[in-house]
Amino acid sequence: MNKSELVRALAEEHELPVEDATVVVNTFFDCVRDALLDGDRVEIRGFGSFKIKGYRGYKGRNPKTGDSVAVPPKRLPVFRAGKELKDILNP
């Protein structure tokens, strides 16, 4: 399912105009993004949680040339499924 399919499903299930469903979905994603940018953890009960995990920089290697490459530190979003979602997927 992609974002437009999610908008369409929300609009159909709650008999909303597609424009209103689009605003709801975009607002949800914007709130999650803003919370993660602020360093907060986002927990959706029954579904899972999102957080940002920081990784230190390291020395890597270019596989094509064999040269050493400095890989800078980075932050990546991480999703962890909640117990209820795991139970649904693995009955």
Protein backbone atom coordinates (compact mmCIF):
# COMPACT_ATOMS: atom_id res chain seq x y z
CA MET A 1 0.00 0.00 0.00
CA ASN A 2 1.33 3.41 -0.89
CA LYS A 3 0.27 6.88 0.28
CA SER A 4 -2.37 7.45 -2.41
CA GLU A 5 -3.92 4.04 -1.70
CA LEU A 6 -4.03 4.91 2.00
CA VAL A 7 -5.77 8.21 1.19
CA ARG A 8 -8.29 6.41 -1.01
CA ALA A 9 -8.99 3.75 1.65
CA LEU A 10 -9.52 6.42 4.33
CA ALA A 11 -11.83 8.39 2.06
CA GLU A 12 -13.91 5.32 1.18
CA GLU A 13 -14.13 3.90 4.71
CA HIS A 14 -15.21 7.18 6.32
CA GLU A 15 -17.07 8.63 3.32
CA LEU A 16 -14.77 11.65 3.13
CA PRO A 17 -13.80 13.69 0.10
CA VAL A 18 -10.38 12.63 -1.18
CA GLU A 19 -9.06 16.15 -0.48
CA ASP A 20 -9.99 15.88 3.22
CA ALA A 21 -8.50 12.39 3.50
CA THR A 22 -5.31 13.71 1.89
CA VAL A 23 -5.08 16.46 4.52
CA VAL A 24 -5.53 13.92 7.33
CA VAL A 25 -2.87 11.54 5.99
CA ASN A 26 -0.40 14.36 5.27
CA THR A 27 -0.96 15.85 8.73
CA PHE A 28 -0.29 12.47 10.34
CA PHE A 29 2.95 11.95 8.43
CA ASP A 30 4.06 15.54 9.08
CA CYS A 31 3.50 15.10 12.83
CA VAL A 32 5.49 11.85 12.88
CA ARG A 33 8.31 13.45 10.87
CA ASP A 34 8.42 16.55 13.10
CA ALA A 35 8.49 14.45 16.28
CA LEU A 36 11.38 12.36 14.92
CA LEU A 37 13.26 15.50 13.88
CA ASP A 38 12.86 16.79 17.45
CA GLY A 39 14.40 13.55 18.74
CA ASP A 40 11.14 12.20 20.14
CA ARG A 41 9.93 8.62 19.94
CA VAL A 42 6.58 8.04 18.22
CA GLU A 43 4.48 5.21 19.63
CA ILE A 44 1.23 4.04 18.04
CA ARG A 45 -0.38 1.57 20.43
CA GLY A 46 -1.26 -1.71 18.77
CA PHE A 47 0.96 -0.95 15.77
CA GLY A 48 4.52 -0.09 16.74
CA SER A 49 7.00 2.67 17.42
CA PHE A 50 9.40 4.84 15.48
CA LYS A 51 12.63 6.31 16.78
CA ILE A 52 15.85 7.77 15.43
CA LYS A 53 19.01 5.73 15.88
CA GLY A 54 22.40 7.38 15.58
CA TYR A 55 25.33 5.58 13.98
CA ARG A 56 28.97 6.55 14.44
CA GLY A 57 31.17 7.26 11.46
CA TYR A 58 33.61 4.60 10.33
CA LYS A 59 36.23 3.84 7.73
CA GLY A 60 34.75 1.98 4.82
CA ARG A 61 36.16 0.66 1.60
CA ASN A 62 35.16 1.37 -1.97
CA PRO A 63 34.54 -2.14 -3.36
CA LYS A 64 35.35 -1.08 -6.91
CA THR A 65 38.71 0.61 -6.28
CA GLY A 66 39.67 -0.72 -2.85
CA ASP A 67 40.32 2.82 -1.57
CA SER A 68 39.50 3.72 2.03
CA VAL A 69 36.52 6.00 2.42
CA ALA A 70 35.45 7.90 5.54
CA VAL A 71 31.74 7.24 6.14
CA PRO A 72 30.25 10.13 8.16
CA PRO A 73 27.99 9.62 11.19
CA LYS A 74 24.30 9.39 10.38
CA ARG A 75 20.87 9.15 11.95
CA LEU A 76 18.28 6.73 10.58
CA PRO A 77 14.63 6.09 11.43
CA VAL A 78 13.90 2.70 12.97
CA PHE A 79 10.50 1.02 13.23
CA ARG A 80 9.73 -1.64 15.81
CA ALA A 81 6.48 -3.55 15.47
CA GLY A 82 4.23 -3.73 18.53
CA LYS A 83 3.10 -6.94 20.16
CA GLU A 84 -0.44 -6.71 18.76
CA LEU A 85 0.84 -6.34 15.19
CA LYS A 86 3.24 -9.24 15.65
CA ASP A 87 0.40 -11.39 17.02
CA ILE A 88 -1.79 -10.57 14.01
CA LEU A 89 0.99 -11.44 11.57
CA ASN A 90 1.95 -14.65 13.40
CA PRO A 91 -1.26 -16.27 14.70
